[in-house]
Every structure is written in structure tokens, then in C-alpha cells.
């Protein structure tokens, strides 16, 4: 009987402690949205060429979450 009471008490404590962790996610979301409002784009560009001379250009805009692929100048 004492073991059951101890297990129930421990599960209750774990449950109550796990509920306290959720507010930290809201503050992280607010910080990232303020970074995007500054107007600075984080753009990464990569270029690949195969043995036949075909050129593949990849452009990633990490701020907007978009990617542009261009093969031989065609988007």
C-alpha cells in the first residue's frame, strides 16, 4: 500500500513539473519574429556544374524560407 502511495505521489510531482516548461517556447518565437522584421535577408547561393557543362544554381533565402533552382539559366 505504501508503494502505491509513493508511486502516485512521484507521478503527480513529475506531471506538475512538466507543465511549467511551456512558457519558454513563446519567448523564443517572439525573438525570431523580431529578427525577420529588420529587413536583412539571409541568402545563401551555391553553384554546381556537371561533366557536360550544365550549370545548376541554388539560391536559399533563409529569412523567407524559399529556395530558387536555376538550370542553365532557366528558373
PDB file of N, CA and C in Angstrom:
ATOM      1  N   UNK A   1       0.822  -1.189   0.000  1.00  0.00           N
ATOM      2  CA  UNK A   1       0.000   0.000   0.000  1.00  0.00           C
ATOM      3  C   UNK A   1       0.872   1.262   0.000  1.00  0.00           C
ATOM      4  N   UNK A   2       1.939   1.228   0.764  1.00  0.00           N
ATOM      5  CA  UNK A   2       2.824   2.388   0.842  1.00  0.00           C
ATOM      6  C   UNK A   2       3.526   2.626  -0.497  1.00  0.00           C
ATOM      7  N   UNK A   3       3.840   1.541  -1.208  1.00  0.00           N
ATOM      8  CA  UNK A   3       4.490   1.686  -2.517  1.00  0.00           C
ATOM      9  C   UNK A   3       3.565   2.376  -3.512  1.00  0.00           C
ATOM     10  N   UNK A   4       2.275   2.058  -3.488  1.00  0.00           N
ATOM     11  CA  UNK A   4       1.317   2.674  -4.404  1.00  0.00           C
ATOM     12  C   UNK A   4       1.182   4.165  -4.125  1.00  0.00           C
ATOM     13  N   UNK A   5       1.163   4.540  -2.862  1.00  0.00           N
ATOM     14  CA  UNK A   5       1.059   5.955  -2.500  1.00  0.00           C
ATOM     15  C   UNK A   5       2.313   6.698  -2.945  1.00  0.00           C
ATOM     16  N   UNK A   6       3.468   6.083  -2.764  1.00  0.00           N
ATOM     17  CA  UNK A   6       4.724   6.697  -3.178  1.00  0.00           C
ATOM     18  C   UNK A   6       4.779   6.868  -4.701  1.00  0.00           C
ATOM     19  N   UNK A   7       4.338   5.878  -5.444  1.00  0.00           N
ATOM     20  CA  UNK A   7       4.338   5.957  -6.907  1.00  0.00           C
ATOM     21  C   UNK A   7       3.378   7.040  -7.377  1.00  0.00           C
ATOM     22  N   UNK A   8       2.199   7.122  -6.793  1.00  0.00           N
ATOM     23  CA  UNK A   8       1.226   8.149  -7.166  1.00  0.00           C
ATOM     24  C   UNK A   8       1.768   9.537  -6.853  1.00  0.00           C
ATOM     25  N   UNK A   9       2.421   9.694  -5.725  1.00  0.00           N
ATOM     26  CA  UNK A   9       2.992  10.990  -5.357  1.00  0.00           C
ATOM     27  C   UNK A   9       4.103  11.388  -6.328  1.00  0.00           C
ATOM     28  N   UNK A  10       4.952  10.454  -6.708  1.00  0.00           N
ATOM     29  CA  UNK A  10       6.040  10.758  -7.634  1.00  0.00           C
ATOM     30  C   UNK A  10       5.500  11.114  -9.022  1.00  0.00           C
ATOM     31  N   UNK A  11       4.485  10.402  -9.489  1.00  0.00           N
ATOM     32  CA  UNK A  11       3.886  10.717 -10.783  1.00  0.00           C
ATOM     33  C   UNK A  11       3.219  12.086 -10.766  1.00  0.00           C
ATOM     34  N   UNK A  12       2.598  12.440  -9.659  1.00  0.00           N
ATOM     35  CA  UNK A  12       1.969  13.754  -9.532  1.00  0.00           C
ATOM     36  C   UNK A  12       3.015  14.859  -9.585  1.00  0.00           C
ATOM     37  N   UNK A  13       4.118  14.683  -8.905  1.00  0.00           N
ATOM     38  CA  UNK A  13       5.188  15.680  -8.911  1.00  0.00           C
ATOM     39  C   UNK A  13       5.775  15.823 -10.316  1.00  0.00           C
ATOM     40  N   UNK A  14       6.005  14.727 -11.002  1.00  0.00           N
ATOM     41  CA  UNK A  14       6.528  14.785 -12.366  1.00  0.00           C
ATOM     42  C   UNK A  14       5.552  15.482 -13.305  1.00  0.00           C
ATOM     43  N   UNK A  15       4.276  15.204 -13.159  1.00  0.00           N
ATOM     44  CA  UNK A  15       3.265  15.831 -14.004  1.00  0.00           C
ATOM     45  C   UNK A  15       3.208  17.335 -13.770  1.00  0.00           C
ATOM     46  N   UNK A  16       3.256  17.765 -12.525  1.00  0.00           N
ATOM     47  CA  UNK A  16       3.189  19.192 -12.220  1.00  0.00           C
ATOM     48  C   UNK A  16       4.441  19.927 -12.695  1.00  0.00           C
ATOM     49  N   UNK A  17       5.598  19.300 -12.610  1.00  0.00           N
ATOM     50  CA  UNK A  17       6.833  19.931 -13.088  1.00  0.00           C
ATOM     51  C   UNK A  17       6.883  20.019 -14.606  1.00  0.00           C
ATOM     52  N   UNK A  18       6.320  19.070 -15.297  1.00  0.00           N
ATOM     53  CA  UNK A  18       6.359  19.095 -16.757  1.00  0.00           C
ATOM     54  C   UNK A  18       5.458  20.183 -17.321  1.00  0.00           C
ATOM     55  N   UNK A  19       4.445  20.585 -16.619  1.00  0.00           N
ATOM     56  CA  UNK A  19       3.537  21.625 -17.099  1.00  0.00           C
ATOM     57  C   UNK A  19       4.156  23.017 -17.011  1.00  0.00           C
ATOM     58  N   UNK A  20       5.202  23.203 -16.252  1.00  0.00           N
ATOM     59  CA  UNK A  20       5.805  24.519 -16.053  1.00  0.00           C
ATOM     60  C   UNK A  20       6.740  24.915 -17.186  1.00  0.00           C
ATOM     61  N   UNK A  21       7.125  24.020 -18.063  1.00  0.00           N
ATOM     62  CA  UNK A  21       8.140  24.286 -19.079  1.00  0.00           C
ATOM     63  C   UNK A  21       7.603  24.943 -20.348  1.00  0.00           C
ATOM     64  N   UNK A  22       6.324  25.020 -20.606  1.00  0.00           N
ATOM     65  CA  UNK A  22       5.786  25.513 -21.873  1.00  0.00           C
ATOM     66  C   UNK A  22       5.950  27.014 -22.111  1.00  0.00           C
ATOM     67  N   UNK A  23       5.955  27.922 -21.150  1.00  0.00           N
ATOM     68  CA  UNK A  23       6.058  29.347 -21.462  1.00  0.00           C
ATOM     69  C   UNK A  23       7.375  29.766 -22.117  1.00  0.00           C
ATOM     70  N   UNK A  24       8.436  29.000 -22.004  1.00  0.00           N
ATOM     71  CA  UNK A  24       9.704  29.393 -22.601  1.00  0.00           C
ATOM     72  C   UNK A  24       9.649  29.355 -24.124  1.00  0.00           C
ATOM     73  N   UNK A  25       8.789  28.550 -24.728  1.00  0.00           N
ATOM     74  CA  UNK A  25       8.679  28.480 -26.179  1.00  0.00           C
ATOM     75  C   UNK A  25       8.099  29.763 -26.751  1.00  0.00           C
ATOM     76  N   UNK A  26       7.197  30.417 -26.056  1.00  0.00           N
ATOM     77  CA  UNK A  26       6.593  31.650 -26.541  1.00  0.00           C
ATOM     78  C   UNK A  26       7.627  32.764 -26.669  1.00  0.00           C
ATOM     79  N   UNK A  27       8.538  32.870 -25.719  1.00  0.00           N
ATOM     80  CA  UNK A  27       9.543  33.926 -25.785  1.00  0.00           C
ATOM     81  C   UNK A  27      10.509  33.692 -26.942  1.00  0.00           C
ATOM     82  N   UNK A  28      10.817  32.449 -27.267  1.00  0.00           N
ATOM     83  CA  UNK A  28      11.702  32.157 -28.390  1.00  0.00           C
ATOM     84  C   UNK A  28      11.039  32.536 -29.712  1.00  0.00           C
ATOM     85  N   UNK A  29       9.728  32.316 -29.845  1.00  0.00           N
ATOM     86  CA  UNK A  29       9.027  32.677 -31.072  1.00  0.00           C
ATOM     87  C   UNK A  29       9.003  34.187 -31.259  1.00  0.00           C
ATOM     88  N   UNK A  30       8.843  34.945 -30.201  1.00  0.00           N
ATOM     89  CA  UNK A  30       8.823  36.395 -30.311  1.00  0.00           C
ATOM     90  C   UNK A  30      10.182  36.936 -30.741  1.00  0.00           C
ATOM     91  N   UNK A  31      11.250  36.339 -30.284  1.00  0.00           N
ATOM     92  CA  UNK A  31      12.589  36.789 -30.641  1.00  0.00           C
ATOM     93  C   UNK A  31      12.858  36.580 -32.126  1.00  0.00           C
ATOM     94  N   UNK A  32      12.461  35.443 -32.667  1.00  0.00           N
ATOM     95  CA  UNK A  32      12.723  35.180 -34.076  1.00  0.00           C
ATOM     96  C   UNK A  32      11.886  36.077 -34.973  1.00  0.00           C
ATOM     97  N   UNK A  33      10.668  36.395 -34.588  1.00  0.00           N
ATOM     98  CA  UNK A  33       9.845  37.254 -35.439  1.00  0.00           C
ATOM     99  C   UNK A  33      10.401  38.678 -35.475  1.00  0.00           C
ATOM    100  N   UNK A  34      11.019  39.140 -34.410  1.00  0.00           N
ATOM    101  CA  UNK A  34      11.626  40.464 -34.406  1.00  0.00           C
ATOM    102  C   UNK A  34      12.851  40.504 -35.319  1.00  0.00           C
ATOM    103  N   UNK A  35      13.575  39.411 -35.414  1.00  0.00           N
ATOM    104  CA  UNK A  35      14.742  39.349 -36.282  1.00  0.00           C
ATOM    105  C   UNK A  35      14.334  39.498 -37.743  1.00  0.00           C
ATOM    106  N   UNK A  36      13.222  38.920 -38.124  1.00  0.00           N
ATOM    107  CA  UNK A  36      12.763  38.990 -39.506  1.00  0.00           C
ATOM    108  C   UNK A  36      12.253  40.371 -39.874  1.00  0.00           C
ATOM    109  N   UNK A  37      11.821  41.158 -38.928  1.00  0.00           N
ATOM    110  CA  UNK A  37      11.294  42.486 -39.214  1.00  0.00           C
ATOM    111  C   UNK A  37      12.392  43.493 -39.549  1.00  0.00           C
ATOM    112  N   UNK A  38      13.640  43.165 -39.272  1.00  0.00           N
ATOM    113  CA  UNK A  38      14.738  44.095 -39.532  1.00  0.00           C
ATOM    114  C   UNK A  38      14.978  44.323 -41.015  1.00  0.00           C
ATOM    115  N   UNK A  39      14.537  43.442 -41.894  1.00  0.00           N
ATOM    116  CA  UNK A  39      14.697  43.610 -43.324  1.00  0.00           C
ATOM    117  C   UNK A  39      15.998  43.071 -43.879  1.00  0.00           C
ATOM    118  N   UNK A  40      16.773  42.368 -43.099  1.00  0.00           N
ATOM    119  CA  UNK A  40      18.032  41.806 -43.567  1.00  0.00           C
ATOM    120  C   UNK A  40      17.752  40.380 -44.041  1.00  0.00           C
ATOM    121  N   UNK A  41      18.040  40.100 -45.332  1.00  0.00           N
ATOM    122  CA  UNK A  41      17.816  38.770 -45.874  1.00  0.00           C
ATOM    123  C   UNK A  41      19.068  37.924 -45.712  1.00  0.00           C
ATOM    124  N   UNK A  42      18.871  36.691 -45.280  1.00  0.00           N
ATOM    125  CA  UNK A  42      19.957  35.724 -45.158  1.00  0.00           C
ATOM    126  C   UNK A  42      19.904  34.833 -46.397  1.00  0.00           C
ATOM    127  N   UNK A  43      20.690  35.174 -47.416  1.00  0.00           N
ATOM    128  CA  UNK A  43      20.655  34.473 -48.696  1.00  0.00           C
ATOM    129  C   UNK A  43      21.949  33.686 -48.878  1.00  0.00           C
ATOM    130  N   UNK A  44      21.796  32.394 -49.223  1.00  0.00           N
ATOM    131  CA  UNK A  44      22.929  31.511 -49.475  1.00  0.00           C
ATOM    132  C   UNK A  44      22.827  31.038 -50.923  1.00  0.00           C
ATOM    133  N   UNK A  45      23.919  31.155 -51.676  1.00  0.00           N
ATOM    134  CA  UNK A  45      23.933  30.765 -53.084  1.00  0.00           C
ATOM    135  C   UNK A  45      24.984  29.690 -53.313  1.00  0.00           C
ATOM    136  N   UNK A  46      24.597  28.636 -54.055  1.00  0.00           N
ATOM    137  CA  UNK A  46      25.520  27.558 -54.412  1.00  0.00           C
ATOM    138  C   UNK A  46      25.405  27.297 -55.909  1.00  0.00           C
ATOM    139  N   UNK A  47      26.527  26.987 -56.543  1.00  0.00           N
ATOM    140  CA  UNK A  47      26.551  26.701 -57.972  1.00  0.00           C
ATOM    141  C   UNK A  47      27.268  25.373 -58.205  1.00  0.00           C
ATOM    142  N   UNK A  48      26.645  24.516 -59.040  1.00  0.00           N
ATOM    143  CA  UNK A  48      27.213  23.216 -59.365  1.00  0.00           C
ATOM    144  C   UNK A  48      27.271  23.067 -60.881  1.00  0.00           C
ATOM    145  N   UNK A  49      28.344  22.450 -61.384  1.00  0.00           N
ATOM    146  CA  UNK A  49      28.498  22.188 -62.810  1.00  0.00           C
ATOM    147  C   UNK A  49      28.859  20.716 -62.993  1.00  0.00           C
ATOM    148  N   UNK A  50      28.138  20.028 -63.913  1.00  0.00           N
ATOM    149  CA  UNK A  50      28.452  18.625 -64.151  1.00  0.00           C
ATOM    150  C   UNK A  50      29.473  18.482 -65.276  1.00  0.00           C
ATOM    151  N   UNK A  51      29.808  17.245 -65.626  1.00  0.00           N
ATOM    152  CA  UNK A  51      30.845  16.996 -66.630  1.00  0.00           C
ATOM    153  C   UNK A  51      30.428  17.429 -68.029  1.00  0.00           C
ATOM    154  N   UNK A  52      29.118  17.587 -68.288  1.00  0.00           N
ATOM    155  CA  UNK A  52      28.632  18.034 -69.595  1.00  0.00           C
ATOM    156  C   UNK A  52      28.568  19.551 -69.700  1.00  0.00           C
ATOM    157  N   UNK A  53      28.855  20.260 -68.630  1.00  0.00           N
ATOM    158  CA  UNK A  53      28.848  21.717 -68.643  1.00  0.00           C
ATOM    159  C   UNK A  53      27.522  22.333 -68.236  1.00  0.00           C
ATOM    160  N   UNK A  54      26.572  21.515 -67.773  1.00  0.00           N
ATOM    161  CA  UNK A  54      25.287  22.042 -67.313  1.00  0.00           C
ATOM    162  C   UNK A  54      25.486  22.681 -65.944  1.00  0.00           C
ATOM    163  N   UNK A  55      24.929  23.872 -65.780  1.00  0.00           N
ATOM    164  CA  UNK A  55      25.144  24.660 -64.572  1.00  0.00           C
ATOM    165  C   UNK A  55      23.850  24.719 -63.759  1.00  0.00           C
ATOM    166  N   UNK A  56      23.918  24.333 -62.485  1.00  0.00           N
ATOM    167  CA  UNK A  56      22.781  24.372 -61.571  1.00  0.00           C
ATOM    168  C   UNK A  56      23.080  25.401 -60.493  1.00  0.00           C
ATOM    169  N   UNK A  57      22.224  26.422 -60.388  1.00  0.00           N
ATOM    170  CA  UNK A  57      22.384  27.459 -59.373  1.00  0.00           C
ATOM    171  C   UNK A  57      21.272  27.310 -58.338  1.00  0.00           C
ATOM    172  N   UNK A  58      21.649  27.242 -57.073  1.00  0.00           N
ATOM    173  CA  UNK A  58      20.706  27.131 -55.967  1.00  0.00           C
ATOM    174  C   UNK A  58      20.801  28.388 -55.125  1.00  0.00           C
ATOM    175  N   UNK A  59      19.661  29.017 -54.866  1.00  0.00           N
ATOM    176  CA  UNK A  59      19.620  30.205 -54.024  1.00  0.00           C
ATOM    177  C   UNK A  59      18.620  29.956 -52.906  1.00  0.00           C
ATOM    178  N   UNK A  60      19.080  30.027 -51.660  1.00  0.00           N
ATOM    179  CA  UNK A  60      18.231  29.821 -50.498  1.00  0.00           C
ATOM    180  C   UNK A  60      18.071  31.138 -49.757  1.00  0.00           C
ATOM    181  N   UNK A  61      16.830  31.574 -49.561  1.00  0.00           N
ATOM    182  CA  UNK A  61      16.537  32.749 -48.746  1.00  0.00           C
ATOM    183  C   UNK A  61      16.036  32.224 -47.408  1.00  0.00           C
ATOM    184  N   UNK A  62      16.916  32.169 -46.422  1.00  0.00           N
ATOM    185  CA  UNK A  62      16.565  31.611 -45.120  1.00  0.00           C
ATOM    186  C   UNK A  62      15.602  32.495 -44.349  1.00  0.00           C
ATOM    187  N   UNK A  63      15.550  33.784 -44.643  1.00  0.00           N
ATOM    188  CA  UNK A  63      14.631  34.683 -43.959  1.00  0.00           C
ATOM    189  C   UNK A  63      13.198  34.387 -44.367  1.00  0.00           C
ATOM    190  N   UNK A  64      12.966  34.241 -45.660  1.00  0.00           N
ATOM    191  CA  UNK A  64      11.617  33.981 -46.168  1.00  0.00           C
ATOM    192  C   UNK A  64      11.298  32.494 -46.248  1.00  0.00           C
ATOM    193  N   UNK A  65      12.301  31.644 -46.159  1.00  0.00           N
ATOM    194  CA  UNK A  65      12.091  30.209 -46.234  1.00  0.00           C
ATOM    195  C   UNK A  65      11.827  29.730 -47.650  1.00  0.00           C
ATOM    196  N   UNK A  66      12.489  30.331 -48.642  1.00  0.00           N
ATOM    197  CA  UNK A  66      12.286  29.943 -50.034  1.00  0.00           C
ATOM    198  C   UNK A  66      13.591  29.463 -50.651  1.00  0.00           C
ATOM    199  N   UNK A  67      13.452  28.679 -51.720  1.00  0.00           N
ATOM    200  CA  UNK A  67      14.607  28.203 -52.477  1.00  0.00           C
ATOM    201  C   UNK A  67      14.309  28.391 -53.954  1.00  0.00           C
ATOM    202  N   UNK A  68      15.321  28.831 -54.720  1.00  0.00           N
ATOM    203  CA  UNK A  68      15.179  29.016 -56.161  1.00  0.00           C
ATOM    204  C   UNK A  68      16.225  28.162 -56.856  1.00  0.00           C
ATOM    205  N   UNK A  69      15.772  27.342 -57.811  1.00  0.00           N
ATOM    206  CA  UNK A  69      16.661  26.485 -58.582  1.00  0.00           C
ATOM    207  C   UNK A  69      16.707  27.001 -60.006  1.00  0.00           C
ATOM    208  N   UNK A  70      17.901  27.093 -60.567  1.00  0.00           N
ATOM    209  CA  UNK A  70      18.065  27.562 -61.936  1.00  0.00           C
ATOM    210  C   UNK A  70      19.019  26.620 -62.657  1.00  0.00           C
ATOM    211  N   UNK A  71      18.525  25.957 -63.732  1.00  0.00           N
ATOM    212  CA  UNK A  71      19.332  25.034 -64.510  1.00  0.00           C
ATOM    213  C   UNK A  71      19.589  25.651 -65.874  1.00  0.00           C
ATOM    214  N   UNK A  72      20.843  25.946 -66.161  1.00  0.00           N
ATOM    215  CA  UNK A  72      21.257  26.590 -67.416  1.00  0.00           C
ATOM    216  C   UNK A  72      20.528  27.907 -67.648  1.00  0.00           C
ATOM    217  N   UNK A  73      20.314  28.677 -66.613  1.00  0.00           N
ATOM    218  CA  UNK A  73      19.689  29.994 -66.735  1.00  0.00           C
ATOM    219  C   UNK A  73      18.175  29.978 -66.724  1.00  0.00           C
ATOM    220  N   UNK A  74      17.542  28.805 -66.660  1.00  0.00           N
ATOM    221  CA  UNK A  74      16.084  28.704 -66.617  1.00  0.00           C
ATOM    222  C   UNK A  74      15.645  28.412 -65.191  1.00  0.00           C
ATOM    223  N   UNK A  75      14.702  29.210 -64.700  1.00  0.00           N
ATOM    224  CA  UNK A  75      14.225  29.037 -63.329  1.00  0.00           C
ATOM    225  C   UNK A  75      13.095  28.041 -63.282  1.00  0.00           C
TER     226      UNK A  75
END
